[in-house]
Structures are given as structure tokens and as C-alpha cells.
Amino acid sequence: MNMLQQSRNQVLAQIQSACTQAGREPDSVQLLAVSKTQPSAILAQMYEAGQQAFGENYLQEALEKITALKALDIEWHFIGHVQRNKTRPLAEHFAWVHGVDRLIIAERLSNQRRDSQAALNICLQVNIDGQDSKDGCQPEELSELVKQISLLPNIRLRGLMVIPAPENTRAFADAKALFDVVKAQHAHPEDWDTLSMGMSADMTEAIAAGSTMVRVGTALFGARPKKAE
């Protein structure tokens, strides 16, 4: 067993343990491999180890990997901040976009998604604990955003993504409460099924609070290599 297979098995075991402690089914939490700055060859090895969903933060780097690994059945997630002038490649090349925080971004993604493609899955990023340094809509803006965005064609509004401040595990419970409250505002509430929160250091707490998708990089790949300038 290679190191990547071993690390993935360890993370899956941690997810399973956290689910058991929380009284949840182990398959209720999806593992998203955060692969920013990792070379395509490493992603290919992790794919061979059984990982299919990969999350990328940097658009140009991600597009290069998507081209290099096009023969593999990878589910590509964009988890970085979404810039208004870069929505077209996101709409065309990704299965999921997590960092949506404005109606105009969702409208552009909807308009630029090809009719021949499956609907683009999106999560709304919420600045759940009011950090000045974090992107995301404010919690009080979420209800209206959900009402408007859930009506757009060519996208499926799936849920929320949050990145609380380190050690602020209380924010996970706040995010779950908000997730439950705004589901009623969704035009298609059956689509509202994804709460993307928790990373290598705090996935256990996030799962206990109700996360359905954990975004894990370091625990899978080790310390990240520095991004080339």
C-alpha cells in the first residue's frame, strides 16, 4: 500500500469514527480532496487510490490539471473565491463551484453553463463568524439569495460552504442552524443537501455539527508545496 492510499484510508477511518460518535451513517459525509499546488501526477495516484472528488483553489492551475487528467473520471470542485470575470471557465469545466456569494456570480454561471452539460452544482459561501479577511455573504443576506438563486436555470443550488476562524468550532453549529432555516426558502428544497465545512484539523467537530462534505488537504497529501509565483 502506497503512502497516498494509506493517508486516504486514515482520513476515511477518521470520518467513519466521527460519524459513529455523532450517531450518523458513515456514507453521509463526502471526502473532498483539496489538491491545490499538488502536481497532476499526485492527483492521478490519489485517484487510483479511490478518490474521485478533488477541490482546487486556483483557476489557471486547475484548468491545467483538468486538461492533463481528462482521461480520468474526476469530479472537479472549485473551492476558491469566484471572480466575476472568470466565471465562464468555471461554468464550462467544473462539476461544483463552492465560493458563490453574490447573485451576479450565480447568474453568470447559469448563463454560461452549456445546455448540453448537467446542471452546475453550487454552494453559497457564508462568512459565518464575521471575519474581515474572509469572503462570503453575511448570514442575514442568505435567505434572499437562496430564494433568487434557486430559480436560476442550468445550476443546482446544493447548500452552504463555510470556513470559520481556527478554533471557532461553535460556528459549525451556527452554520448547521442557518442551513436548516433557509432550506424552506429554496425553490427545490430536495436539492438542498450539502453543508461543506471542516478541514484536516477540525473535521471531527464539523461532522458532529452536521457537515456532509469535509475539505481535506494536509491530512491526505502532507504539507503543501509552495505555489509557484
C-alpha atoms as a PDB file:
ATOM      1  CA  MET A   1       0.000   0.000   0.000  1.00  0.00           C
ATOM      2  CA  ASN A   2       1.463   3.370  -1.011  1.00  0.00           C
ATOM      3  CA  MET A   3       1.532   6.441   1.225  1.00  0.00           C
ATOM      4  CA  LEU A   4      -1.374   8.167  -0.519  1.00  0.00           C
ATOM      5  CA  GLN A   5      -3.582   5.099  -0.153  1.00  0.00           C
ATOM      6  CA  GLN A   6      -2.600   4.848   3.499  1.00  0.00           C
ATOM      7  CA  SER A   7      -3.322   8.507   4.238  1.00  0.00           C
ATOM      8  CA  ARG A   8      -6.679   8.311   2.464  1.00  0.00           C
ATOM      9  CA  ASN A   9      -7.639   5.218   4.453  1.00  0.00           C
ATOM     10  CA  GLN A  10      -6.703   7.030   7.665  1.00  0.00           C
ATOM     11  CA  VAL A  11      -8.863  10.037   6.773  1.00  0.00           C
ATOM     12  CA  LEU A  12     -11.798   7.798   5.829  1.00  0.00           C
ATOM     13  CA  ALA A  13     -11.407   5.983   9.150  1.00  0.00           C
ATOM     14  CA  GLN A  14     -11.441   9.327  10.955  1.00  0.00           C
ATOM     15  CA  ILE A  15     -14.623  10.319   9.111  1.00  0.00           C
ATOM     16  CA  GLN A  16     -16.227   6.992   9.987  1.00  0.00           C
ATOM     17  CA  SER A  17     -15.260   7.357  13.647  1.00  0.00           C
ATOM     18  CA  ALA A  18     -16.645  10.904  13.782  1.00  0.00           C
ATOM     19  CA  CYS A  19     -19.900   9.744  12.193  1.00  0.00           C
ATOM     20  CA  THR A  20     -20.228   6.895  14.682  1.00  0.00           C
ATOM     21  CA  GLN A  21     -19.677   9.280  17.591  1.00  0.00           C
ATOM     22  CA  ALA A  22     -22.344  11.609  16.175  1.00  0.00           C
ATOM     23  CA  GLY A  23     -24.820   8.798  15.515  1.00  0.00           C
ATOM     24  CA  ARG A  24     -24.625   9.298  11.752  1.00  0.00           C
ATOM     25  CA  GLU A  25     -24.169   6.929   8.832  1.00  0.00           C
ATOM     26  CA  PRO A  26     -20.535   6.880   7.561  1.00  0.00           C
ATOM     27  CA  ASP A  27     -21.653   7.449   3.979  1.00  0.00           C
ATOM     28  CA  SER A  28     -23.430  10.690   4.961  1.00  0.00           C
ATOM     29  CA  VAL A  29     -20.133  12.605   4.715  1.00  0.00           C
ATOM     30  CA  GLN A  30     -18.221  13.008   1.445  1.00  0.00           C
ATOM     31  CA  LEU A  31     -14.449  13.417   1.355  1.00  0.00           C
ATOM     32  CA  LEU A  32     -13.281  16.226  -0.941  1.00  0.00           C
ATOM     33  CA  ALA A  33      -9.524  16.086  -1.574  1.00  0.00           C
ATOM     34  CA  VAL A  34      -8.099  19.623  -1.569  1.00  0.00           C
ATOM     35  CA  SER A  35      -5.389  19.313  -4.186  1.00  0.00           C
ATOM     36  CA  LYS A  36      -4.233  22.893  -4.763  1.00  0.00           C
ATOM     37  CA  THR A  37      -0.494  23.113  -5.575  1.00  0.00           C
ATOM     38  CA  GLN A  38      -0.272  19.322  -5.892  1.00  0.00           C
ATOM     39  CA  PRO A  39       1.040  18.135  -9.280  1.00  0.00           C
ATOM     40  CA  SER A  40      -1.187  16.222 -11.663  1.00  0.00           C
ATOM     41  CA  ALA A  41       0.820  13.017 -11.126  1.00  0.00           C
ATOM     42  CA  ILE A  42      -0.043  13.045  -7.426  1.00  0.00           C
ATOM     43  CA  LEU A  43      -3.725  13.566  -8.200  1.00  0.00           C
ATOM     44  CA  ALA A  44      -3.595  10.615 -10.583  1.00  0.00           C
ATOM     45  CA  GLN A  45      -2.135   8.454  -7.817  1.00  0.00           C
ATOM     46  CA  MET A  46      -4.793   9.594  -5.347  1.00  0.00           C
ATOM     47  CA  TYR A  47      -7.439   8.821  -7.969  1.00  0.00           C
ATOM     48  CA  GLU A  48      -6.004   5.319  -8.335  1.00  0.00           C
ATOM     49  CA  ALA A  49      -6.300   5.012  -4.551  1.00  0.00           C
ATOM     50  CA  GLY A  50     -10.046   5.503  -4.940  1.00  0.00           C
ATOM     51  CA  GLN A  51     -10.531   9.273  -4.601  1.00  0.00           C
ATOM     52  CA  GLN A  52     -12.773  10.825  -7.249  1.00  0.00           C
ATOM     53  CA  ALA A  53     -13.685  14.309  -5.962  1.00  0.00           C
ATOM     54  CA  PHE A  54     -10.930  16.951  -5.982  1.00  0.00           C
ATOM     55  CA  GLY A  55     -11.130  20.592  -4.899  1.00  0.00           C
ATOM     56  CA  GLU A  56      -8.988  23.323  -6.459  1.00  0.00           C
ATOM     57  CA  ASN A  57      -8.484  26.945  -5.384  1.00  0.00           C
ATOM     58  CA  TYR A  58      -6.512  28.455  -8.262  1.00  0.00           C
ATOM     59  CA  LEU A  59      -8.290  28.604 -11.605  1.00  0.00           C
ATOM     60  CA  GLN A  60      -5.375  28.503 -14.045  1.00  0.00           C
ATOM     61  CA  GLU A  61      -3.670  25.688 -12.150  1.00  0.00           C
ATOM     62  CA  ALA A  62      -6.944  23.765 -12.039  1.00  0.00           C
ATOM     63  CA  LEU A  63      -7.579  24.137 -15.768  1.00  0.00           C
ATOM     64  CA  GLU A  64      -4.121  22.735 -16.500  1.00  0.00           C
ATOM     65  CA  LYS A  65      -4.860  19.706 -14.311  1.00  0.00           C
ATOM     66  CA  ILE A  66      -8.284  19.196 -15.866  1.00  0.00           C
ATOM     67  CA  THR A  67      -6.604  19.032 -19.289  1.00  0.00           C
ATOM     68  CA  ALA A  68      -3.788  16.771 -18.109  1.00  0.00           C
ATOM     69  CA  LEU A  69      -6.162  14.356 -16.348  1.00  0.00           C
ATOM     70  CA  LYS A  70      -9.076  14.449 -18.793  1.00  0.00           C
ATOM     71  CA  ALA A  71      -8.927  10.657 -19.255  1.00  0.00           C
ATOM     72  CA  LEU A  72      -9.854  10.152 -15.588  1.00  0.00           C
ATOM     73  CA  ASP A  73     -13.425  10.354 -14.304  1.00  0.00           C
ATOM     74  CA  ILE A  74     -12.661  13.104 -11.774  1.00  0.00           C
ATOM     75  CA  GLU A  75     -15.362  15.263 -10.201  1.00  0.00           C
ATOM     76  CA  TRP A  76     -13.827  18.746 -10.136  1.00  0.00           C
ATOM     77  CA  HIS A  77     -14.824  21.233  -7.435  1.00  0.00           C
ATOM     78  CA  PHE A  78     -13.740  24.872  -7.426  1.00  0.00           C
ATOM     79  CA  ILE A  79     -13.435  25.999  -3.809  1.00  0.00           C
ATOM     80  CA  GLY A  80     -11.611  29.315  -4.214  1.00  0.00           C
ATOM     81  CA  HIS A  81     -13.037  32.824  -4.371  1.00  0.00           C
ATOM     82  CA  VAL A  82     -15.073  33.315  -7.551  1.00  0.00           C
ATOM     83  CA  GLN A  83     -14.125  36.411  -9.523  1.00  0.00           C
ATOM     84  CA  ARG A  84     -16.804  37.894 -11.749  1.00  0.00           C
ATOM     85  CA  ASN A  85     -14.575  37.965 -14.845  1.00  0.00           C
ATOM     86  CA  LYS A  86     -13.616  34.288 -14.522  1.00  0.00           C
ATOM     87  CA  THR A  87     -16.985  32.605 -14.303  1.00  0.00           C
ATOM     88  CA  ARG A  88     -17.035  31.190 -17.854  1.00  0.00           C
ATOM     89  CA  PRO A  89     -14.264  28.592 -17.385  1.00  0.00           C
ATOM     90  CA  LEU A  90     -15.819  27.630 -14.065  1.00  0.00           C
ATOM     91  CA  ALA A  91     -19.196  27.127 -15.729  1.00  0.00           C
ATOM     92  CA  GLU A  92     -17.671  25.108 -18.546  1.00  0.00           C
ATOM     93  CA  HIS A  93     -15.159  22.870 -16.763  1.00  0.00           C
ATOM     94  CA  PHE A  94     -16.291  22.149 -13.204  1.00  0.00           C
ATOM     95  CA  ALA A  95     -18.997  19.985 -11.647  1.00  0.00           C
ATOM     96  CA  TRP A  96     -19.188  22.081  -8.461  1.00  0.00           C
ATOM     97  CA  VAL A  97     -18.458  25.696  -7.508  1.00  0.00           C
ATOM     98  CA  HIS A  98     -18.348  26.381  -3.760  1.00  0.00           C
ATOM     99  CA  GLY A  99     -17.427  30.037  -3.402  1.00  0.00           C
ATOM    100  CA  VAL A 100     -20.563  31.764  -4.698  1.00  0.00           C
ATOM    101  CA  ASP A 101     -21.595  34.713  -2.517  1.00  0.00           C
ATOM    102  CA  ARG A 102     -23.444  37.112  -4.845  1.00  0.00           C
ATOM    103  CA  LEU A 103     -26.441  36.855  -7.154  1.00  0.00           C
ATOM    104  CA  ILE A 104     -24.488  38.243 -10.136  1.00  0.00           C
ATOM    105  CA  ILE A 105     -21.978  35.399  -9.865  1.00  0.00           C
ATOM    106  CA  ALA A 106     -24.722  32.787  -9.853  1.00  0.00           C
ATOM    107  CA  GLU A 107     -26.446  34.467 -12.803  1.00  0.00           C
ATOM    108  CA  ARG A 108     -23.241  34.428 -14.837  1.00  0.00           C
ATOM    109  CA  LEU A 109     -22.593  30.767 -14.022  1.00  0.00           C
ATOM    110  CA  SER A 110     -26.162  29.920 -15.011  1.00  0.00           C
ATOM    111  CA  ASN A 111     -25.928  31.825 -18.311  1.00  0.00           C
ATOM    112  CA  GLN A 112     -22.508  30.406 -19.186  1.00  0.00           C
ATOM    113  CA  ARG A 113     -23.228  26.762 -18.392  1.00  0.00           C
ATOM    114  CA  ARG A 114     -23.735  24.877 -21.648  1.00  0.00           C
ATOM    115  CA  ASP A 115     -27.199  23.425 -22.189  1.00  0.00           C
ATOM    116  CA  SER A 116     -25.540  20.138 -23.150  1.00  0.00           C
ATOM    117  CA  GLN A 117     -23.958  19.850 -19.688  1.00  0.00           C
ATOM    118  CA  ALA A 118     -25.516  18.631 -16.479  1.00  0.00           C
ATOM    119  CA  ALA A 119     -26.612  21.424 -14.148  1.00  0.00           C
ATOM    120  CA  LEU A 120     -23.710  23.036 -12.274  1.00  0.00           C
ATOM    121  CA  ASN A 121     -23.774  22.301  -8.544  1.00  0.00           C
ATOM    122  CA  ILE A 122     -23.112  25.367  -6.427  1.00  0.00           C
ATOM    123  CA  CYS A 123     -22.732  26.112  -2.727  1.00  0.00           C
ATOM    124  CA  LEU A 124     -23.136  29.554  -1.222  1.00  0.00           C
ATOM    125  CA  GLN A 125     -20.190  30.728   0.838  1.00  0.00           C
ATOM    126  CA  VAL A 126     -21.265  32.337   4.104  1.00  0.00           C
ATOM    127  CA  ASN A 127     -18.972  34.392   6.327  1.00  0.00           C
ATOM    128  CA  ILE A 128     -20.437  32.618   9.318  1.00  0.00           C
ATOM    129  CA  ASP A 129     -18.427  34.370  12.034  1.00  0.00           C
ATOM    130  CA  GLY A 130     -17.871  37.831  10.546  1.00  0.00           C
ATOM    131  CA  GLN A 131     -14.174  37.585   9.722  1.00  0.00           C
ATOM    132  CA  ASP A 132     -12.803  40.656   7.973  1.00  0.00           C
ATOM    133  CA  SER A 133     -10.373  38.517   5.978  1.00  0.00           C
ATOM    134  CA  LYS A 134     -12.942  36.042   4.645  1.00  0.00           C
ATOM    135  CA  ASP A 135     -15.134  36.142   1.563  1.00  0.00           C
ATOM    136  CA  GLY A 136     -18.772  35.132   1.714  1.00  0.00           C
ATOM    137  CA  CYS A 137     -22.192  36.644   2.112  1.00  0.00           C
ATOM    138  CA  GLN A 138     -23.479  37.696   5.506  1.00  0.00           C
ATOM    139  CA  PRO A 139     -25.855  35.276   7.276  1.00  0.00           C
ATOM    140  CA  GLU A 140     -28.692  37.814   7.141  1.00  0.00           C
ATOM    141  CA  GLU A 141     -28.331  38.000   3.326  1.00  0.00           C
ATOM    142  CA  LEU A 142     -28.648  34.279   2.804  1.00  0.00           C
ATOM    143  CA  SER A 143     -32.411  33.830   2.797  1.00  0.00           C
ATOM    144  CA  GLU A 144     -32.969  36.258  -0.089  1.00  0.00           C
ATOM    145  CA  LEU A 145     -30.020  34.839  -2.039  1.00  0.00           C
ATOM    146  CA  VAL A 146     -31.413  31.332  -1.754  1.00  0.00           C
ATOM    147  CA  LYS A 147     -34.840  32.467  -2.970  1.00  0.00           C
ATOM    148  CA  GLN A 148     -33.327  34.140  -6.049  1.00  0.00           C
ATOM    149  CA  ILE A 149     -30.542  31.735  -6.969  1.00  0.00           C
ATOM    150  CA  SER A 150     -32.637  28.582  -6.601  1.00  0.00           C
ATOM    151  CA  LEU A 151     -34.808  29.819  -9.502  1.00  0.00           C
ATOM    152  CA  LEU A 152     -31.919  30.077 -11.992  1.00  0.00           C
ATOM    153  CA  PRO A 153     -31.646  27.516 -14.812  1.00  0.00           C
ATOM    154  CA  ASN A 154     -28.579  25.343 -15.511  1.00  0.00           C
ATOM    155  CA  ILE A 155     -27.468  25.268 -11.868  1.00  0.00           C
ATOM    156  CA  ARG A 156     -28.433  23.260  -8.774  1.00  0.00           C
ATOM    157  CA  LEU A 157     -28.152  25.168  -5.530  1.00  0.00           C
ATOM    158  CA  ARG A 158     -26.956  22.439  -3.175  1.00  0.00           C
ATOM    159  CA  GLY A 159     -26.131  24.155   0.112  1.00  0.00           C
ATOM    160  CA  LEU A 160     -23.541  26.125   2.068  1.00  0.00           C
ATOM    161  CA  MET A 161     -19.786  26.324   2.403  1.00  0.00           C
ATOM    162  CA  VAL A 162     -18.183  27.903   5.462  1.00  0.00           C
ATOM    163  CA  ILE A 163     -14.605  28.495   6.651  1.00  0.00           C
ATOM    164  CA  PRO A 164     -14.790  29.528  10.311  1.00  0.00           C
ATOM    165  CA  ALA A 165     -11.860  31.080  12.125  1.00  0.00           C
ATOM    166  CA  PRO A 166      -9.448  28.476  13.560  1.00  0.00           C
ATOM    167  CA  GLU A 167     -10.651  27.030  16.868  1.00  0.00           C
ATOM    168  CA  ASN A 168     -14.115  28.587  16.434  1.00  0.00           C
ATOM    169  CA  THR A 169     -15.915  25.260  16.317  1.00  0.00           C
ATOM    170  CA  ARG A 170     -19.083  26.947  17.645  1.00  0.00           C
ATOM    171  CA  ALA A 171     -19.507  28.371  14.146  1.00  0.00           C
ATOM    172  CA  PHE A 172     -20.201  24.870  12.819  1.00  0.00           C
ATOM    173  CA  ALA A 173     -23.400  24.662  14.877  1.00  0.00           C
ATOM    174  CA  ASP A 174     -24.363  28.156  13.713  1.00  0.00           C
ATOM    175  CA  ALA A 175     -23.839  27.099  10.093  1.00  0.00           C
ATOM    176  CA  LYS A 176     -25.983  23.980  10.535  1.00  0.00           C
ATOM    177  CA  ALA A 177     -28.774  26.024  12.111  1.00  0.00           C
ATOM    178  CA  LEU A 178     -28.642  28.508   9.231  1.00  0.00           C
ATOM    179  CA  PHE A 179     -28.561  25.639   6.718  1.00  0.00           C
ATOM    180  CA  ASP A 180     -31.753  24.190   8.204  1.00  0.00           C
ATOM    181  CA  VAL A 181     -33.585  27.514   8.417  1.00  0.00           C
ATOM    182  CA  VAL A 182     -33.048  28.638   4.827  1.00  0.00           C
ATOM    183  CA  LYS A 183     -33.946  25.302   3.238  1.00  0.00           C
ATOM    184  CA  ALA A 184     -37.577  26.449   3.292  1.00  0.00           C
ATOM    185  CA  GLN A 185     -36.687  29.367   1.002  1.00  0.00           C
ATOM    186  CA  HIS A 186     -35.322  27.044  -1.711  1.00  0.00           C
ATOM    187  CA  ALA A 187     -37.462  26.610  -4.818  1.00  0.00           C
ATOM    188  CA  HIS A 188     -36.262  22.978  -4.954  1.00  0.00           C
ATOM    189  CA  PRO A 189     -35.651  22.012  -1.314  1.00  0.00           C
ATOM    190  CA  GLU A 190     -34.833  18.424  -2.298  1.00  0.00           C
ATOM    191  CA  ASP A 191     -31.586  19.773  -3.824  1.00  0.00           C
ATOM    192  CA  TRP A 192     -30.537  21.447  -0.545  1.00  0.00           C
ATOM    193  CA  ASP A 193     -28.378  18.627   0.818  1.00  0.00           C
ATOM    194  CA  THR A 194     -24.781  19.834   1.154  1.00  0.00           C
ATOM    195  CA  LEU A 195     -23.075  21.507   4.109  1.00  0.00           C
ATOM    196  CA  SER A 196     -19.416  21.859   3.146  1.00  0.00           C
ATOM    197  CA  MET A 197     -17.401  22.511   6.297  1.00  0.00           C
ATOM    198  CA  GLY A 198     -14.495  21.017   8.171  1.00  0.00           C
ATOM    199  CA  MET A 199     -10.867  20.502   7.193  1.00  0.00           C
ATOM    200  CA  SER A 200      -7.942  18.358   8.335  1.00  0.00           C
ATOM    201  CA  ALA A 201      -7.710  19.898  11.818  1.00  0.00           C
ATOM    202  CA  ASP A 202     -11.403  20.179  12.666  1.00  0.00           C
ATOM    203  CA  MET A 203     -13.333  17.640  10.607  1.00  0.00           C
ATOM    204  CA  THR A 204     -14.468  15.709  13.704  1.00  0.00           C
ATOM    205  CA  GLU A 205     -16.160  18.783  15.180  1.00  0.00           C
ATOM    206  CA  ALA A 206     -17.652  19.718  11.805  1.00  0.00           C
ATOM    207  CA  ILE A 207     -19.123  16.246  11.322  1.00  0.00           C
ATOM    208  CA  ALA A 208     -20.574  16.310  14.844  1.00  0.00           C
ATOM    209  CA  ALA A 209     -22.346  19.560  13.929  1.00  0.00           C
ATOM    210  CA  GLY A 210     -23.776  18.185  10.670  1.00  0.00           C
ATOM    211  CA  SER A 211     -21.221  18.600   7.869  1.00  0.00           C
ATOM    212  CA  THR A 212     -21.912  16.496   4.778  1.00  0.00           C
ATOM    213  CA  MET A 213     -18.640  17.297   2.996  1.00  0.00           C
ATOM    214  CA  VAL A 214     -15.177  17.776   4.502  1.00  0.00           C
ATOM    215  CA  ARG A 215     -12.433  19.507   2.529  1.00  0.00           C
ATOM    216  CA  VAL A 216      -9.139  17.786   3.369  1.00  0.00           C
ATOM    217  CA  GLY A 217      -5.695  18.583   2.006  1.00  0.00           C
ATOM    218  CA  THR A 218      -2.853  18.247   4.516  1.00  0.00           C
ATOM    219  CA  ALA A 219      -4.094  15.001   6.062  1.00  0.00           C
ATOM    220  CA  LEU A 220      -4.221  13.420   2.586  1.00  0.00           C
ATOM    221  CA  PHE A 221      -1.194  14.876   0.818  1.00  0.00           C
ATOM    222  CA  GLY A 222       1.034  16.130   3.632  1.00  0.00           C
ATOM    223  CA  ALA A 223       2.299  19.695   3.856  1.00  0.00           C
ATOM    224  CA  ARG A 224       1.552  21.600   0.660  1.00  0.00           C
ATOM    225  CA  PRO A 225       4.392  22.579  -1.657  1.00  0.00           C
ATOM    226  CA  LYS A 226       4.575  26.313  -2.154  1.00  0.00           C
ATOM    227  CA  LYS A 227       2.613  27.657  -5.110  1.00  0.00           C
ATOM    228  CA  ALA A 228       4.861  28.775  -7.915  1.00  0.00           C
ATOM    229  CA  GLU A 229       4.849  32.521  -8.495  1.00  0.00           C
END
